Protein backbone atom coordinates (compact mmCIF):
# COMPACT_ATOMS: atom_id res chain seq x y z
CA MET A 1 0.00 0.00 0.00
CA THR A 2 1.56 3.29 -1.11
CA THR A 3 1.57 6.25 1.28
CA VAL A 4 2.63 9.82 0.78
CA THR A 5 6.35 10.48 1.09
CA GLU A 6 8.17 12.61 3.61
CA ARG A 7 8.75 15.08 0.77
CA ASP A 8 4.95 15.36 0.28
CA ILE A 9 4.55 16.12 3.97
CA ARG A 10 7.32 18.74 3.89
CA LEU A 11 5.75 20.44 0.88
CA LEU A 12 2.36 20.69 2.60
CA ARG A 13 3.95 21.98 5.79
CA ASP A 14 5.87 24.58 3.83
CA ALA A 15 2.61 25.72 2.21
CA LEU A 16 0.31 25.65 5.24
CA GLY A 17 2.62 25.54 8.24
CA PRO A 18 3.40 22.56 10.49
CA LEU A 19 0.71 20.15 11.57
CA ARG A 20 -0.41 21.12 15.05
CA ASP A 21 -0.22 18.68 17.92
CA ARG A 22 -3.54 16.83 18.03
CA GLU A 23 -3.74 16.81 21.83
CA GLN A 24 -2.91 20.51 22.15
CA VAL A 25 -5.58 21.46 19.60
CA ALA A 26 -8.17 19.38 21.46
CA GLU A 27 -7.13 20.86 24.80
CA ARG A 28 -7.71 24.40 23.54
CA LEU A 29 -11.07 23.40 22.07
CA LEU A 30 -12.11 21.82 25.37
CA GLU A 31 -11.19 25.04 27.20
CA SER A 32 -13.27 27.05 24.73
CA SER A 33 -16.19 24.63 25.12
CA ALA A 34 -16.10 25.08 28.90
CA LYS A 35 -16.35 28.87 28.48
CA HIS A 36 -18.68 29.20 25.49
CA SER A 37 -21.29 26.45 25.41
CA PHE A 38 -25.04 27.07 25.55
CA ASP A 39 -28.20 25.34 26.64
CA PRO A 40 -30.77 26.47 24.03
CA ASP A 41 -33.67 25.61 26.35
CA LYS A 42 -32.40 28.20 28.84
CA GLU A 43 -30.72 30.71 26.52
CA LEU A 44 -33.67 31.27 24.17
CA ASP A 45 -37.19 32.49 24.91
CA TRP A 46 -39.25 29.76 23.27
CA ASP A 47 -42.50 31.12 24.72
CA ALA A 48 -42.22 34.54 23.05
CA PRO A 49 -44.71 35.05 20.20
CA ILE A 50 -43.61 35.12 16.58
CA GLU A 51 -42.93 38.74 15.58
CA ASP A 52 -45.14 40.26 12.89
CA GLY A 53 -43.30 41.67 9.89
CA LYS A 54 -40.04 39.83 10.57
CA TRP A 55 -38.40 37.23 8.37
CA PHE A 56 -37.40 33.69 9.29
CA TRP A 57 -34.41 33.94 6.93
CA PRO A 58 -32.74 36.95 5.29
CA PRO A 59 -34.49 37.57 1.96
CA GLU A 60 -31.19 37.73 0.04
CA LEU A 61 -30.52 34.14 1.12
CA VAL A 62 -33.92 32.82 -0.01
CA SER A 63 -33.45 30.66 -3.09
CA LEU A 64 -35.79 32.63 -5.40
CA TYR A 65 -34.49 36.07 -4.45
CA ASP A 66 -34.09 38.43 -7.44
CA THR A 67 -35.69 36.01 -9.92
CA PRO A 68 -38.64 36.92 -12.18
CA LEU A 69 -40.88 34.78 -9.97
CA TRP A 70 -39.69 36.58 -6.83
CA ARG A 71 -40.59 39.93 -8.37
CA LYS A 72 -44.14 38.68 -9.00
CA MET A 73 -44.62 37.41 -5.44
CA SER A 74 -46.30 39.47 -2.73
CA GLU A 75 -44.25 40.42 0.33
CA GLU A 76 -46.38 38.04 2.39
CA GLN A 77 -45.64 35.15 0.03
CA ARG A 78 -41.93 35.95 0.06
CA MET A 79 -41.86 35.90 3.86
CA ASP A 80 -43.82 32.66 3.88
CA LEU A 81 -41.26 31.11 1.51
CA ALA A 82 -38.46 32.28 3.83
CA ARG A 83 -40.22 30.57 6.74
CA HIS A 84 -40.46 27.29 4.85
CA GLU A 85 -36.87 27.51 3.60
CA ALA A 86 -35.65 28.10 7.16
CA ALA A 87 -37.47 24.90 8.16
CA SER A 88 -36.00 23.06 5.17
CA LEU A 89 -32.46 24.16 6.08
CA ALA A 90 -32.98 23.27 9.74
CA SER A 91 -34.20 19.82 8.67
CA LEU A 92 -31.14 19.41 6.46
CA GLY A 93 -28.96 20.50 9.38
CA ILE A 94 -30.46 17.83 11.63
CA TRP A 95 -29.86 15.18 8.96
CA PHE A 96 -26.23 16.21 8.60
CA GLU A 97 -25.65 16.36 12.33
CA ILE A 98 -27.05 12.88 12.89
CA ILE A 99 -24.67 11.61 10.19
CA LEU A 100 -21.79 13.57 11.72
CA MET A 101 -22.38 12.14 15.18
CA GLN A 102 -22.15 8.61 13.81
CA LEU A 103 -18.97 9.43 11.87
CA LEU A 104 -17.37 10.91 14.99
CA VAL A 105 -18.19 7.83 17.03
CA ARG A 106 -16.56 5.68 14.35
CA HIS A 107 -13.51 7.97 14.33
CA ILE A 108 -12.83 7.61 18.06
CA TYR A 109 -13.76 3.91 18.39
CA ASP A 110 -10.15 2.68 18.35
CA LYS A 111 -8.54 5.69 20.05
CA SER A 112 -7.54 6.26 23.66
CA VAL A 113 -10.64 7.13 25.66
CA THR A 114 -8.57 9.32 28.00
CA SER A 115 -7.08 11.49 25.24
CA ASN A 116 -8.08 15.11 24.75
CA HIS A 117 -8.84 14.27 21.12
CA VAL A 118 -11.52 11.74 22.12
CA ARG A 119 -12.84 13.95 24.93
CA TYR A 120 -13.36 16.78 22.46
CA ALA A 121 -15.10 14.48 19.96
CA LEU A 122 -17.53 13.47 22.71
CA THR A 123 -18.01 17.15 23.61
CA GLU A 124 -18.81 17.91 19.97
CA ILE A 125 -21.31 15.05 19.84
CA ALA A 126 -23.04 16.57 22.88
CA ASP A 127 -23.10 19.95 21.08
CA GLU A 128 -24.65 18.34 18.00
CA CYS A 129 -27.34 16.65 20.08
CA ARG A 130 -28.36 20.06 21.47
CA HIS A 131 -28.22 21.65 18.02
CA SER A 132 -30.47 18.98 16.51
CA MET A 133 -33.06 19.42 19.25
CA MET A 134 -32.80 23.21 18.93
CA PHE A 135 -33.39 23.08 15.16
CA ALA A 136 -36.36 20.74 15.61
CA LYS A 137 -37.87 23.09 18.17
CA MET A 138 -37.38 26.06 15.82
CA ILE A 139 -39.17 24.20 13.02
CA GLN A 140 -42.12 23.55 15.33
CA LYS A 141 -42.17 27.15 16.54
CA GLY A 142 -42.36 28.39 12.95
CA GLU A 143 -45.29 26.02 12.26
CA ALA A 144 -43.64 24.65 9.12
CA PRO A 145 -43.17 20.96 8.33
CA ALA A 146 -39.91 19.07 8.78
CA TYR A 147 -38.57 18.56 5.26
CA GLN A 148 -36.90 15.20 4.69
CA VAL A 149 -34.18 14.72 2.08
CA PRO A 150 -35.17 12.48 -0.85
CA ARG A 151 -35.23 8.80 0.03
CA VAL A 152 -32.39 7.96 -2.36
CA TYR A 153 -30.01 10.35 -0.58
CA HIS A 154 -31.27 9.30 2.83
CA ASN A 155 -30.25 5.75 1.97
CA MET A 156 -26.98 6.83 0.32
CA ALA A 157 -26.03 8.32 3.67
CA ARG A 158 -26.38 4.86 5.24
CA VAL A 159 -23.66 3.69 2.86
CA LEU A 160 -21.51 6.74 3.61
CA LYS A 161 -21.68 6.07 7.34
CA THR A 162 -20.50 2.51 6.71
CA VAL A 163 -17.70 2.96 4.17
CA SER A 164 -16.44 6.50 4.81
CA THR A 165 -12.72 6.83 5.48
CA THR A 166 -11.48 9.12 8.25
CA PRO A 167 -10.49 11.96 5.89
CA GLY A 168 -13.72 11.44 3.94
CA SER A 169 -15.70 11.81 7.16
CA PHE A 170 -14.05 15.10 8.06
CA ALA A 171 -14.37 16.45 4.52
CA ALA A 172 -18.12 15.68 4.61
CA THR A 173 -18.31 17.28 8.04
CA LEU A 174 -16.87 20.54 6.75
CA LEU A 175 -19.20 20.52 3.76
CA GLY A 176 -22.21 20.21 6.05
CA GLU A 177 -20.98 22.88 8.45
CA GLU A 178 -19.22 25.67 6.60
CA ILE A 179 -21.79 26.77 4.00
CA LEU A 180 -24.62 26.90 6.52
CA ASP A 181 -22.27 28.63 8.95
CA TRP A 182 -21.57 31.36 6.37
CA MET A 183 -25.29 31.95 5.95
CA GLN A 184 -25.92 31.96 9.69
CA ARG A 185 -23.18 34.55 10.22
CA LEU A 186 -25.22 36.84 7.98
CA THR A 187 -28.44 35.92 9.80
CA PHE A 188 -27.82 36.41 13.51
CA PRO A 189 -26.94 40.15 13.35
CA ASP A 190 -29.80 40.90 10.90
CA GLU A 191 -32.51 42.84 12.75
CA ARG A 192 -35.05 42.05 10.01
CA VAL A 193 -35.01 38.42 11.15
CA GLN A 194 -37.07 36.85 13.96
CA THR A 195 -35.35 37.20 17.34
CA LEU A 196 -35.65 33.46 17.97
CA VAL A 197 -34.02 32.56 14.64
CA ARG A 198 -31.21 35.03 15.33
CA GLY A 199 -30.67 33.42 18.72
CA VAL A 200 -30.58 29.92 17.23
CA THR A 201 -28.06 30.94 14.57
CA ARG A 202 -25.88 32.80 17.09
CA ILE A 203 -25.56 29.71 19.30
CA HIS A 204 -24.85 27.53 16.30
CA VAL A 205 -22.18 29.85 14.89
CA VAL A 206 -20.29 30.10 18.19
CA GLU A 207 -20.24 26.36 18.81
CA GLU A 208 -19.70 25.34 15.18
CA ALA A 209 -16.52 27.44 15.03
CA ARG A 210 -14.89 24.84 17.30
CA HIS A 211 -16.26 21.95 15.24
CA VAL A 212 -14.82 23.46 12.06
CA ARG A 213 -11.41 23.93 13.70
CA TYR A 214 -11.38 20.30 14.89
CA ALA A 215 -12.38 18.96 11.47
CA ARG A 216 -9.94 21.15 9.54
CA GLU A 217 -6.99 20.18 11.71
CA GLU A 218 -7.79 16.49 11.44
CA LEU A 219 -8.43 16.61 7.68
CA ARG A 220 -5.10 18.37 7.12
CA ARG A 221 -3.39 15.64 9.13
CA GLN A 222 -5.16 12.87 7.27
CA MET A 223 -4.33 14.26 3.81
CA VAL A 224 -0.60 13.95 4.53
CA THR A 225 -0.61 10.72 6.54
CA ALA A 226 -3.38 8.56 5.01
CA PRO A 227 -2.58 5.95 2.33
CA ARG A 228 -2.76 7.27 -1.22
CA TRP A 229 -5.85 5.19 -2.04
CA GLU A 230 -7.62 6.78 0.93
CA GLN A 231 -6.74 10.26 -0.25
CA GLU A 232 -8.06 9.49 -3.72
CA PHE A 233 -11.26 8.00 -2.31
CA THR A 234 -11.68 11.13 -0.18
CA ARG A 235 -11.44 13.35 -3.26
CA LEU A 236 -14.15 11.31 -4.97
CA SER A 237 -16.49 10.96 -1.98
CA CYS A 238 -16.14 14.65 -1.10
CA GLY A 239 -17.07 15.64 -4.66
CA GLU A 240 -20.11 13.37 -4.63
CA ALA A 241 -21.12 14.74 -1.20
CA ALA A 242 -20.96 18.28 -2.64
CA ARG A 243 -23.23 17.25 -5.49
CA VAL A 244 -25.77 15.66 -3.10
CA PHE A 245 -25.58 18.63 -0.74
CA SER A 246 -26.39 21.10 -3.52
CA VAL A 247 -29.38 19.00 -4.64
CA CYS A 248 -30.76 18.67 -1.11
CA PHE A 249 -30.03 22.20 0.07
CA VAL A 250 -33.61 23.40 -0.31
CA ASN A 251 -36.43 20.88 -0.58
CA PRO A 252 -38.50 21.85 -3.67
CA GLN A 253 -41.68 21.00 -1.75
CA VAL A 254 -41.31 24.44 -0.12
CA TYR A 255 -42.43 26.06 -3.38
CA GLU A 256 -45.66 24.07 -3.58
CA ASN A 257 -46.33 24.78 0.09
CA VAL A 258 -46.44 28.53 -0.58
CA GLY A 259 -48.58 28.22 -3.70
CA LEU A 260 -45.88 28.30 -6.41
CA ASP A 261 -45.39 26.04 -9.40
CA ARG A 262 -42.64 23.65 -8.37
CA ARG A 263 -41.08 23.15 -11.81
CA GLU A 264 -41.04 26.84 -12.60
CA ALA A 265 -39.51 27.71 -9.23
CA VAL A 266 -36.78 25.05 -9.49
CA ALA A 267 -35.93 26.16 -13.03
CA GLN A 268 -35.62 29.79 -11.97
CA VAL A 269 -33.43 28.93 -8.99
CA ARG A 270 -31.09 26.96 -11.27
CA ALA A 271 -30.90 29.85 -13.72
CA SER A 272 -30.38 32.49 -11.04
CA GLY A 273 -27.00 34.23 -11.11
CA HIS A 274 -27.67 35.65 -7.65
CA ARG A 275 -28.32 32.20 -6.19
CA ARG A 276 -25.20 30.79 -7.81
CA GLU A 277 -23.13 33.62 -6.33
CA VAL A 278 -24.65 33.07 -2.87
CA MET A 279 -23.85 29.36 -2.90
CA GLN A 280 -20.32 29.82 -4.24
CA SER A 281 -19.64 32.62 -1.76
CA GLY A 282 -20.84 30.38 1.06
CA ALA A 283 -18.55 27.59 -0.11
CA ARG A 284 -15.51 29.71 -1.03
CA ARG A 285 -13.69 29.56 2.30
CA LEU A 286 -14.13 25.79 2.33
CA THR A 287 -13.16 25.24 -1.31
CA ASP A 288 -10.04 27.39 -0.88
CA PHE A 289 -9.04 25.22 2.09
CA LEU A 290 -9.79 21.94 0.32
CA ASP A 291 -7.84 23.12 -2.70
CA ASP A 292 -4.84 24.03 -0.51
CA ILE A 293 -4.69 20.57 1.09
CA GLY A 294 -5.14 18.66 -2.16
CA VAL A 295 -8.76 17.50 -1.95
CA LEU A 296 -10.06 19.31 -5.04
CA ARG A 297 -8.36 17.27 -7.74
CA GLY A 298 -9.37 15.04 -10.65
CA VAL A 299 -12.89 13.64 -10.75
CA GLY A 300 -13.62 15.10 -7.33
CA ARG A 301 -13.01 18.63 -8.60
CA ARG A 302 -15.28 18.02 -11.58
CA LEU A 303 -18.03 16.84 -9.22
CA TRP A 304 -17.61 20.01 -7.16
CA LYS A 305 -17.99 22.10 -10.32
CA SER A 306 -21.10 20.16 -11.35
CA SER A 307 -22.59 20.85 -7.92
CA GLY A 308 -22.49 24.59 -8.62
CA LEU A 309 -20.53 25.24 -5.42
CA LEU A 310 -17.21 25.76 -7.20
CA ALA A 311 -16.78 28.30 -9.99
């Protein structure tokens, strides 16, 4: 089995700096978790009424924004679509976090249970449990349905959880976290948005920053220490995950649920230059990182381009 050479490792270190000590990284993340973790049940006022005239998602981040169909919609219908898209994204977030928790458990299964690295993984799993319950509660508060991903992708994820390599798991983790994180960083300071939604996104942004750091550090390590076949498989699986993510990002049922023609809405979203720019902007920090560490190559890069997340 061929692995990367010492020269490969030196080249990556020269480009990105030395790999950080795994235990020291985890120790700092554990210290941050002790200072900046939240209980959504106590931090957020779930009994407060929904605020009239406020959005559930910034309008510029709604999929149909600035399309011909959007310009025909009433303000009430636009806000209703934002409410349903917020529920769709929260549902997608729960799906990803349930997958992530299983991948993290697999990652630490053979590692020292007393290490900081394992302790932080367990801390992150606890965070994700709270996030999933918080998202579910937000969906209920907004009186929108929980939007499931298509059955084919739901079942594909079962395969992913079984065959995913360690670097593949962390690449998928970053895909699920960083684009939504970019959108949420625009959402929580936006005073046009419901106070509850802003509170949910604020908690998620603060805690997800640690998760992203943990995943990035481990993926960097894996891309210089994993066998070559594992690196190549990671490039392919990450590209396919990007394609699936872009397809599932907004459930098209949201359009029917606000009285729009589903086919027309989907077609206009796909043709929208604004939407393409939003998605690529949300992914840019991640794609720059993946490119730097050698993930965006070959077939995997072509899959990323086909997903619309990479220019």
